[in-house]
N, C-alpha and C. Protein backbone atom coordinates (compact mmCIF):
# COMPACT_ATOMS: atom_id res chain seq x y z
N MET A 1 -10.67 -12.39 9.25
CA MET A 1 -9.72 -11.90 8.34
C MET A 1 -8.59 -12.89 8.20
N SER A 2 -8.27 -13.32 7.07
CA SER A 2 -7.17 -14.24 6.89
C SER A 2 -5.85 -13.69 7.09
N SER A 3 -4.88 -14.57 7.29
CA SER A 3 -3.52 -14.06 7.59
C SER A 3 -2.85 -13.32 6.36
N THR A 4 -3.22 -13.71 5.17
CA THR A 4 -2.67 -13.11 3.99
C THR A 4 -3.22 -11.73 3.83
N VAL A 5 -4.46 -11.52 4.07
CA VAL A 5 -5.03 -10.18 4.07
C VAL A 5 -4.41 -9.27 5.11
N PHE A 6 -4.29 -9.80 6.30
CA PHE A 6 -3.61 -9.05 7.44
C PHE A 6 -2.21 -8.74 7.13
N LEU A 7 -1.47 -9.68 6.59
CA LEU A 7 -0.04 -9.46 6.22
C LEU A 7 0.03 -8.37 5.13
N ASN A 8 -0.88 -8.36 4.15
CA ASN A 8 -0.82 -7.34 3.14
C ASN A 8 -1.23 -5.99 3.64
N PHE A 9 -2.11 -5.95 4.58
CA PHE A 9 -2.50 -4.73 5.19
C PHE A 9 -1.30 -4.07 6.03
N ILE A 10 -0.68 -4.95 6.76
CA ILE A 10 0.48 -4.52 7.52
C ILE A 10 1.62 -4.02 6.63
N ARG A 11 1.85 -4.74 5.56
CA ARG A 11 2.86 -4.41 4.55
C ARG A 11 2.54 -3.06 3.93
N PHE A 12 1.23 -2.87 3.57
CA PHE A 12 0.82 -1.61 2.97
C PHE A 12 1.11 -0.44 3.94
N PHE A 13 0.68 -0.59 5.16
CA PHE A 13 0.89 0.45 6.16
C PHE A 13 2.31 0.73 6.44
N LEU A 14 3.14 -0.27 6.62
CA LEU A 14 4.54 -0.09 6.97
C LEU A 14 5.36 0.57 5.87
N LEU A 15 5.03 0.10 4.63
CA LEU A 15 5.72 0.65 3.46
C LEU A 15 5.33 2.09 3.22
N LEU A 16 4.03 2.45 3.45
CA LEU A 16 3.58 3.75 3.23
C LEU A 16 4.18 4.71 4.31
N VAL A 17 4.20 4.26 5.59
CA VAL A 17 4.79 5.11 6.63
C VAL A 17 6.30 5.26 6.41
N GLY A 18 6.97 4.16 6.06
CA GLY A 18 8.39 4.24 5.77
C GLY A 18 8.78 5.15 4.63
N GLN A 19 7.90 5.13 3.56
CA GLN A 19 8.15 6.01 2.45
C GLN A 19 7.95 7.44 2.88
N VAL A 20 6.82 7.75 3.58
CA VAL A 20 6.54 9.16 3.92
C VAL A 20 7.53 9.68 4.93
N LEU A 21 7.91 8.91 5.97
CA LEU A 21 8.73 9.45 7.04
C LEU A 21 10.23 9.36 6.75
N LEU A 22 10.67 8.31 6.01
CA LEU A 22 12.07 8.10 5.89
C LEU A 22 12.54 8.35 4.43
N PHE A 23 11.97 7.63 3.53
CA PHE A 23 12.57 7.54 2.16
C PHE A 23 12.26 8.87 1.36
N ASN A 24 11.18 9.53 1.65
CA ASN A 24 10.92 10.74 0.99
C ASN A 24 11.92 11.88 1.34
N ASN A 25 12.59 11.70 2.43
CA ASN A 25 13.60 12.66 2.91
C ASN A 25 14.97 12.41 2.32
N ILE A 26 15.15 11.36 1.58
CA ILE A 26 16.43 11.02 1.00
C ILE A 26 16.47 11.65 -0.41
N ASN A 27 17.47 12.40 -0.65
CA ASN A 27 17.65 12.97 -2.03
C ASN A 27 19.15 13.12 -2.23
N LEU A 28 19.74 12.12 -2.95
CA LEU A 28 21.16 12.08 -3.17
C LEU A 28 21.49 12.67 -4.50
N PHE A 29 22.28 13.67 -4.51
CA PHE A 29 22.83 14.27 -5.74
C PHE A 29 21.69 14.84 -6.66
N GLY A 30 20.56 15.16 -6.11
CA GLY A 30 19.49 15.66 -6.84
C GLY A 30 18.73 14.72 -7.86
N TYR A 31 19.20 13.41 -8.00
CA TYR A 31 18.70 12.52 -8.90
C TYR A 31 18.13 11.22 -8.23
N ILE A 32 18.62 10.95 -7.00
CA ILE A 32 18.33 9.67 -6.48
C ILE A 32 17.31 9.80 -5.31
N ASN A 33 16.13 9.33 -5.52
CA ASN A 33 15.09 9.31 -4.47
C ASN A 33 14.54 7.91 -4.45
N PRO A 34 14.73 7.14 -3.42
CA PRO A 34 14.22 5.74 -3.43
C PRO A 34 12.76 5.70 -3.19
N TYR A 35 12.14 4.69 -3.84
CA TYR A 35 10.62 4.43 -3.66
C TYR A 35 10.35 3.05 -3.41
N PRO A 36 10.78 2.54 -2.28
CA PRO A 36 10.54 1.10 -1.91
C PRO A 36 9.04 0.80 -1.59
N TYR A 37 8.16 1.78 -1.62
CA TYR A 37 6.79 1.47 -1.37
C TYR A 37 6.21 0.55 -2.45
N ILE A 38 6.82 0.46 -3.56
CA ILE A 38 6.30 -0.41 -4.61
C ILE A 38 6.47 -1.91 -4.27
N LEU A 39 7.17 -2.21 -3.22
CA LEU A 39 7.20 -3.59 -2.75
C LEU A 39 5.89 -4.17 -2.39
N PHE A 40 4.91 -3.27 -1.98
CA PHE A 40 3.56 -3.70 -1.77
C PHE A 40 2.98 -4.39 -3.04
N ILE A 41 3.19 -3.73 -4.11
CA ILE A 41 2.65 -4.28 -5.43
C ILE A 41 3.49 -5.43 -5.85
N ILE A 42 4.74 -5.37 -5.64
CA ILE A 42 5.66 -6.48 -6.07
C ILE A 42 5.45 -7.77 -5.31
N LEU A 43 5.24 -7.64 -3.96
CA LEU A 43 5.08 -8.81 -3.15
C LEU A 43 3.67 -9.25 -2.94
N PHE A 44 2.74 -8.63 -3.51
CA PHE A 44 1.34 -9.05 -3.41
C PHE A 44 1.28 -10.49 -3.95
N PRO A 45 0.47 -11.35 -3.31
CA PRO A 45 0.40 -12.82 -3.73
C PRO A 45 0.07 -12.95 -5.20
N VAL A 46 0.74 -13.87 -5.83
CA VAL A 46 0.54 -14.22 -7.24
C VAL A 46 -0.90 -14.55 -7.50
N ASN A 47 -1.51 -15.35 -6.65
CA ASN A 47 -2.88 -15.84 -6.90
C ASN A 47 -3.87 -14.87 -6.16
N GLY A 48 -3.45 -13.73 -5.76
CA GLY A 48 -4.34 -12.80 -5.03
C GLY A 48 -5.32 -12.18 -5.97
N ASN A 49 -6.32 -11.54 -5.37
CA ASN A 49 -7.36 -10.88 -6.12
C ASN A 49 -6.78 -9.69 -6.93
N LYS A 50 -6.94 -9.71 -8.22
CA LYS A 50 -6.44 -8.67 -9.12
C LYS A 50 -7.08 -7.32 -8.85
N THR A 51 -8.42 -7.28 -8.58
CA THR A 51 -9.11 -6.06 -8.24
C THR A 51 -8.50 -5.45 -7.00
N ALA A 52 -8.30 -6.34 -5.98
CA ALA A 52 -7.74 -5.85 -4.73
C ALA A 52 -6.35 -5.23 -4.91
N LEU A 53 -5.55 -5.88 -5.76
CA LEU A 53 -4.22 -5.32 -6.09
C LEU A 53 -4.34 -4.01 -6.75
N LEU A 54 -5.17 -3.82 -7.74
CA LEU A 54 -5.33 -2.49 -8.42
C LEU A 54 -5.84 -1.45 -7.43
N LEU A 55 -6.83 -1.83 -6.64
CA LEU A 55 -7.40 -0.89 -5.66
C LEU A 55 -6.34 -0.52 -4.60
N GLY A 56 -5.60 -1.48 -4.09
CA GLY A 56 -4.61 -1.26 -3.09
C GLY A 56 -3.48 -0.38 -3.73
N SER A 57 -3.10 -0.58 -4.95
CA SER A 57 -2.02 0.14 -5.59
C SER A 57 -2.57 1.57 -5.72
N PHE A 58 -3.78 1.70 -6.18
CA PHE A 58 -4.28 3.16 -6.30
C PHE A 58 -4.31 3.87 -4.90
N LEU A 59 -4.82 3.18 -3.90
CA LEU A 59 -4.81 3.82 -2.54
C LEU A 59 -3.43 4.18 -2.00
N LEU A 60 -2.50 3.25 -2.27
CA LEU A 60 -1.11 3.52 -1.86
C LEU A 60 -0.61 4.71 -2.63
N GLY A 61 -0.74 4.71 -3.93
CA GLY A 61 -0.25 5.84 -4.70
C GLY A 61 -0.89 7.11 -4.42
N ILE A 62 -2.29 7.17 -4.25
CA ILE A 62 -2.93 8.41 -4.01
C ILE A 62 -2.67 8.95 -2.65
N THR A 63 -2.46 8.11 -1.65
CA THR A 63 -2.08 8.53 -0.33
C THR A 63 -0.73 9.13 -0.30
N LEU A 64 0.20 8.52 -1.05
CA LEU A 64 1.57 9.03 -1.17
C LEU A 64 1.54 10.36 -1.88
N ASP A 65 0.69 10.47 -2.88
CA ASP A 65 0.48 11.77 -3.64
C ASP A 65 0.02 12.87 -2.64
N MET A 66 -0.88 12.53 -1.74
CA MET A 66 -1.37 13.52 -0.87
C MET A 66 -0.24 14.00 0.08
N PHE A 67 0.61 13.08 0.50
CA PHE A 67 1.69 13.49 1.35
C PHE A 67 2.80 14.29 0.62
N CYS A 68 3.04 13.93 -0.65
CA CYS A 68 4.09 14.54 -1.40
C CYS A 68 3.58 15.75 -2.23
N ASN A 69 2.27 15.96 -2.28
CA ASN A 69 1.73 16.96 -3.14
C ASN A 69 2.19 16.85 -4.50
N SER A 70 2.00 15.64 -5.10
CA SER A 70 2.54 15.39 -6.40
C SER A 70 1.48 15.23 -7.49
N GLY A 71 0.26 15.50 -7.18
CA GLY A 71 -0.74 15.49 -8.20
C GLY A 71 -1.17 14.22 -8.94
N GLY A 72 -0.97 13.12 -8.30
CA GLY A 72 -1.45 11.87 -8.88
C GLY A 72 -0.48 11.02 -9.65
N VAL A 73 0.77 11.44 -9.69
CA VAL A 73 1.78 10.63 -10.52
C VAL A 73 2.08 9.36 -9.88
N HIS A 74 2.09 9.30 -8.52
CA HIS A 74 2.37 8.06 -7.79
C HIS A 74 1.22 7.02 -7.98
N ALA A 75 0.03 7.63 -7.97
CA ALA A 75 -1.16 6.76 -8.15
C ALA A 75 -1.17 6.11 -9.50
N LEU A 76 -0.95 6.88 -10.58
CA LEU A 76 -0.94 6.35 -11.97
C LEU A 76 0.27 5.38 -12.14
N ALA A 77 1.43 5.76 -11.70
CA ALA A 77 2.52 4.83 -11.86
C ALA A 77 2.37 3.50 -11.06
N SER A 78 1.71 3.54 -9.95
CA SER A 78 1.45 2.37 -9.16
C SER A 78 0.36 1.50 -9.92
N ILE A 79 -0.63 2.12 -10.42
CA ILE A 79 -1.64 1.39 -11.11
C ILE A 79 -1.07 0.72 -12.44
N ILE A 80 -0.19 1.39 -13.14
CA ILE A 80 0.42 0.87 -14.28
C ILE A 80 1.31 -0.34 -13.92
N LEU A 81 2.02 -0.15 -12.84
CA LEU A 81 2.86 -1.36 -12.44
C LEU A 81 1.96 -2.53 -11.98
N ALA A 82 0.86 -2.28 -11.34
CA ALA A 82 -0.05 -3.36 -10.93
C ALA A 82 -0.66 -4.04 -12.13
N TYR A 83 -1.01 -3.24 -13.13
CA TYR A 83 -1.63 -3.78 -14.32
C TYR A 83 -0.60 -4.54 -15.15
N ALA A 84 0.62 -4.10 -15.16
CA ALA A 84 1.63 -4.84 -15.99
C ALA A 84 2.30 -6.02 -15.25
N ARG A 85 2.05 -6.07 -13.95
CA ARG A 85 2.67 -7.16 -13.16
C ARG A 85 2.47 -8.60 -13.68
N PRO A 86 1.30 -9.03 -14.10
CA PRO A 86 1.15 -10.36 -14.64
C PRO A 86 2.04 -10.59 -15.87
N SER A 87 2.14 -9.62 -16.74
CA SER A 87 3.01 -9.73 -17.94
C SER A 87 4.46 -9.78 -17.52
N ILE A 88 4.84 -9.01 -16.55
CA ILE A 88 6.26 -9.09 -16.07
C ILE A 88 6.49 -10.47 -15.42
N PHE A 89 5.56 -11.01 -14.69
CA PHE A 89 5.66 -12.35 -14.17
C PHE A 89 5.89 -13.39 -15.28
N LYS A 90 5.08 -13.33 -16.33
CA LYS A 90 5.09 -14.27 -17.41
C LYS A 90 6.48 -14.15 -18.12
N PHE A 91 6.98 -12.96 -18.33
CA PHE A 91 8.24 -12.80 -18.96
C PHE A 91 9.39 -13.29 -18.09
N SER A 92 9.35 -13.01 -16.79
CA SER A 92 10.42 -13.41 -15.90
C SER A 92 10.50 -14.90 -15.50
N PHE A 93 9.27 -15.45 -15.27
CA PHE A 93 9.22 -16.83 -14.70
C PHE A 93 8.69 -17.85 -15.67
N GLY A 94 8.06 -17.46 -16.72
CA GLY A 94 7.61 -18.52 -17.67
C GLY A 94 6.55 -19.44 -17.13
N LEU A 95 6.77 -20.71 -17.19
CA LEU A 95 5.83 -21.72 -16.72
C LEU A 95 5.64 -21.72 -15.22
N SER A 96 6.67 -21.32 -14.49
CA SER A 96 6.49 -21.27 -13.03
C SER A 96 5.36 -20.38 -12.64
N TYR A 97 5.20 -19.24 -13.41
CA TYR A 97 4.09 -18.35 -13.13
C TYR A 97 2.77 -18.92 -13.48
N GLU A 98 2.72 -19.70 -14.59
CA GLU A 98 1.47 -20.37 -15.02
C GLU A 98 0.90 -21.28 -14.00
N TYR A 99 1.87 -21.99 -13.29
CA TYR A 99 1.40 -22.84 -12.27
C TYR A 99 1.34 -22.21 -10.83
N GLN A 100 1.72 -20.95 -10.85
CA GLN A 100 1.65 -20.11 -9.61
C GLN A 100 2.49 -20.64 -8.49
N THR A 101 3.69 -21.07 -8.86
CA THR A 101 4.58 -21.57 -7.79
C THR A 101 5.69 -20.55 -7.51
N VAL A 102 5.42 -19.27 -7.81
CA VAL A 102 6.46 -18.24 -7.59
C VAL A 102 6.36 -17.67 -6.21
N LYS A 103 7.50 -17.53 -5.57
CA LYS A 103 7.54 -16.85 -4.27
C LYS A 103 8.72 -15.84 -4.35
N LEU A 104 8.40 -14.62 -4.19
CA LEU A 104 9.38 -13.54 -4.43
C LEU A 104 10.31 -13.36 -3.13
N ASN A 105 9.72 -13.66 -1.98
CA ASN A 105 10.52 -13.36 -0.80
C ASN A 105 11.35 -14.62 -0.38
N ASP A 106 12.03 -15.27 -1.31
CA ASP A 106 12.87 -16.37 -1.15
C ASP A 106 14.29 -15.95 -1.56
N VAL A 107 15.13 -16.92 -1.82
CA VAL A 107 16.46 -16.64 -2.27
C VAL A 107 16.44 -15.89 -3.60
N LEU A 108 17.33 -14.89 -3.75
CA LEU A 108 17.37 -14.17 -5.00
C LEU A 108 17.93 -14.96 -6.12
N THR A 109 17.11 -15.22 -7.14
CA THR A 109 17.55 -15.95 -8.36
C THR A 109 17.54 -14.98 -9.45
N PRO A 110 18.13 -15.36 -10.61
CA PRO A 110 18.10 -14.49 -11.78
C PRO A 110 16.63 -14.12 -12.16
N GLU A 111 15.74 -15.02 -12.12
CA GLU A 111 14.31 -14.73 -12.45
C GLU A 111 13.65 -13.70 -11.52
N ARG A 112 13.95 -13.88 -10.21
CA ARG A 112 13.40 -12.90 -9.30
C ARG A 112 14.08 -11.51 -9.43
N PHE A 113 15.37 -11.53 -9.67
CA PHE A 113 16.04 -10.26 -9.91
C PHE A 113 15.50 -9.58 -11.17
N THR A 114 15.28 -10.33 -12.27
CA THR A 114 14.75 -9.81 -13.50
C THR A 114 13.35 -9.23 -13.23
N PHE A 115 12.54 -9.94 -12.47
CA PHE A 115 11.23 -9.38 -12.18
C PHE A 115 11.30 -8.04 -11.38
N LEU A 116 12.13 -8.02 -10.35
CA LEU A 116 12.28 -6.80 -9.56
C LEU A 116 12.80 -5.67 -10.40
N LEU A 117 13.82 -5.96 -11.21
CA LEU A 117 14.39 -4.88 -12.01
C LEU A 117 13.38 -4.30 -13.04
N ILE A 118 12.69 -5.14 -13.75
CA ILE A 118 11.71 -4.70 -14.72
C ILE A 118 10.59 -3.92 -14.07
N ALA A 119 10.10 -4.44 -12.91
CA ALA A 119 9.04 -3.71 -12.18
C ALA A 119 9.45 -2.38 -11.73
N VAL A 120 10.67 -2.29 -11.14
CA VAL A 120 11.12 -1.00 -10.67
C VAL A 120 11.34 0.02 -11.79
N VAL A 121 11.94 -0.48 -12.92
CA VAL A 121 12.19 0.48 -14.02
C VAL A 121 10.87 0.90 -14.62
N ILE A 122 9.89 0.07 -14.78
CA ILE A 122 8.60 0.56 -15.34
C ILE A 122 7.95 1.55 -14.42
N HIS A 123 7.95 1.32 -13.13
CA HIS A 123 7.34 2.24 -12.25
C HIS A 123 8.06 3.58 -12.31
N HIS A 124 9.37 3.57 -12.19
CA HIS A 124 10.12 4.75 -12.15
C HIS A 124 10.12 5.55 -13.44
N PHE A 125 10.25 4.85 -14.56
CA PHE A 125 10.14 5.58 -15.79
C PHE A 125 8.72 6.32 -15.94
N THR A 126 7.70 5.60 -15.59
CA THR A 126 6.37 6.15 -15.63
C THR A 126 6.23 7.36 -14.73
N LEU A 127 6.77 7.19 -13.48
CA LEU A 127 6.67 8.27 -12.52
C LEU A 127 7.40 9.52 -12.92
N PHE A 128 8.62 9.33 -13.40
CA PHE A 128 9.43 10.50 -13.75
C PHE A 128 8.99 11.13 -15.08
N PHE A 129 8.45 10.32 -16.01
CA PHE A 129 7.89 10.88 -17.23
C PHE A 129 6.64 11.71 -16.94
N LEU A 130 5.84 11.15 -16.05
CA LEU A 130 4.63 11.95 -15.71
C LEU A 130 4.92 13.19 -14.91
N GLU A 131 6.01 13.18 -14.10
CA GLU A 131 6.38 14.41 -13.39
C GLU A 131 6.77 15.54 -14.38
N VAL A 132 7.56 15.20 -15.40
CA VAL A 132 8.07 16.22 -16.32
C VAL A 132 7.10 16.42 -17.45
N PHE A 133 6.61 15.30 -18.08
CA PHE A 133 5.62 15.26 -19.16
C PHE A 133 6.09 16.07 -20.36
N ARG A 134 7.42 16.07 -20.68
CA ARG A 134 7.91 16.67 -21.82
C ARG A 134 9.06 15.83 -22.39
N LEU A 135 9.07 15.59 -23.67
CA LEU A 135 10.07 14.81 -24.32
C LEU A 135 11.43 15.58 -24.44
N ASN A 136 11.34 16.85 -24.24
CA ASN A 136 12.60 17.62 -24.27
C ASN A 136 13.59 17.21 -23.14
N PHE A 137 13.06 16.70 -22.06
CA PHE A 137 13.85 16.28 -20.91
C PHE A 137 14.04 14.74 -20.84
N LEU A 138 13.96 14.12 -22.01
CA LEU A 138 14.14 12.62 -22.03
C LEU A 138 15.44 12.20 -21.40
N TRP A 139 16.50 12.83 -21.70
CA TRP A 139 17.81 12.42 -21.08
C TRP A 139 17.77 12.47 -19.60
N GLU A 140 17.19 13.52 -19.03
CA GLU A 140 17.09 13.64 -17.58
C GLU A 140 16.20 12.62 -17.02
N ILE A 141 15.08 12.32 -17.73
CA ILE A 141 14.16 11.29 -17.25
C ILE A 141 14.89 9.88 -17.26
N LEU A 142 15.58 9.63 -18.28
CA LEU A 142 16.31 8.33 -18.29
C LEU A 142 17.39 8.25 -17.23
N LEU A 143 18.17 9.33 -17.07
CA LEU A 143 19.21 9.34 -16.05
C LEU A 143 18.58 9.15 -14.59
N LYS A 144 17.59 9.91 -14.35
CA LYS A 144 16.94 9.84 -13.03
C LYS A 144 16.31 8.45 -12.89
N THR A 145 15.67 7.93 -13.88
CA THR A 145 15.15 6.52 -13.82
C THR A 145 16.23 5.52 -13.56
N PHE A 146 17.37 5.60 -14.23
CA PHE A 146 18.47 4.66 -14.04
C PHE A 146 19.02 4.71 -12.65
N LEU A 147 19.35 5.89 -12.15
CA LEU A 147 19.97 6.10 -10.90
C LEU A 147 19.05 5.69 -9.74
N THR A 148 17.80 6.17 -9.84
CA THR A 148 16.87 5.90 -8.78
C THR A 148 16.48 4.42 -8.78
N SER A 149 16.38 3.77 -9.98
CA SER A 149 16.05 2.41 -10.03
C SER A 149 17.13 1.56 -9.37
N LEU A 150 18.35 1.88 -9.56
CA LEU A 150 19.49 1.08 -8.94
C LEU A 150 19.39 1.22 -7.43
N PHE A 151 19.19 2.45 -6.93
CA PHE A 151 19.13 2.61 -5.47
C PHE A 151 17.91 2.00 -4.91
N THR A 152 16.76 2.10 -5.53
CA THR A 152 15.50 1.48 -5.08
C THR A 152 15.60 -0.01 -5.08
N LEU A 153 16.25 -0.59 -6.11
CA LEU A 153 16.40 -1.99 -6.24
C LEU A 153 17.31 -2.58 -5.06
N LEU A 154 18.39 -1.82 -4.73
CA LEU A 154 19.17 -2.21 -3.65
C LEU A 154 18.40 -2.20 -2.33
N ILE A 155 17.62 -1.13 -2.13
CA ILE A 155 16.86 -1.06 -0.88
C ILE A 155 15.77 -2.16 -0.85
N CYS A 156 15.11 -2.43 -1.92
CA CYS A 156 14.12 -3.46 -2.01
C CYS A 156 14.68 -4.83 -1.70
N ILE A 157 15.83 -5.11 -2.26
CA ILE A 157 16.42 -6.39 -1.97
C ILE A 157 16.78 -6.50 -0.46
N CYS A 158 17.31 -5.44 0.08
CA CYS A 158 17.61 -5.41 1.55
C CYS A 158 16.34 -5.69 2.35
N ILE A 159 15.28 -4.96 1.99
CA ILE A 159 14.04 -5.12 2.77
C ILE A 159 13.49 -6.54 2.57
N ILE A 160 13.54 -7.10 1.43
CA ILE A 160 13.10 -8.43 1.24
C ILE A 160 13.80 -9.48 2.08
N TYR A 161 15.17 -9.34 2.13
CA TYR A 161 15.96 -10.18 2.96
C TYR A 161 15.69 -9.93 4.50
N LEU A 162 15.36 -8.72 4.88
CA LEU A 162 15.03 -8.45 6.27
C LEU A 162 13.71 -9.02 6.67
N ILE A 163 12.71 -9.07 5.77
CA ILE A 163 11.40 -9.57 6.18
C ILE A 163 11.15 -11.05 5.85
N LYS A 164 12.25 -11.66 5.10
CA LYS A 164 12.14 -13.00 4.76
C LYS A 164 11.92 -13.93 5.98
N PRO A 165 10.90 -14.79 5.97
CA PRO A 165 10.75 -15.69 7.07
C PRO A 165 11.94 -16.64 7.15
N SER A 166 12.35 -16.85 8.44
CA SER A 166 13.49 -17.74 8.64
C SER A 166 13.03 -19.21 8.54
N LYS A 167 13.80 -20.08 7.97
CA LYS A 167 13.48 -21.46 7.88
C LYS A 167 14.13 -22.23 9.06
N ARG A 168 13.33 -22.73 9.92
CA ARG A 168 13.87 -23.44 11.12
C ARG A 168 13.59 -24.88 11.05
């Protein structure tokens, strides 16, 4: 087993356990619930196997759905993010993505921040829209998406800086 596969498996497991045991218990003001488990999808290697990413995203989402009793919304939101990820990369990084020289767990640049922000917003909007599934509540969906995306983005940036390999 290569080190990349092992690292992705460990990341999958730790983010899932952290989400289930810690982050699912955070509910600020009734609108803010962080979902940093999407870092598995975001930090998956750029040149990694696309099928493995989609399958891993589905497994992560469906496992979280089983723990949250949420009926598949996490699985679908995760698959949509994994499917949209190459387009988000192209939009955020341009030619750097074409040559696959992108590393997300490095210093935060405007391109990396843009990528993280778009990915988090797409996931959260999909998740909250699927939870409600009524356009009558569009304002609540947008408000919850905005507030939760800000909090999740902050947590994701902190986690990325915590796991960033030190340069010696």
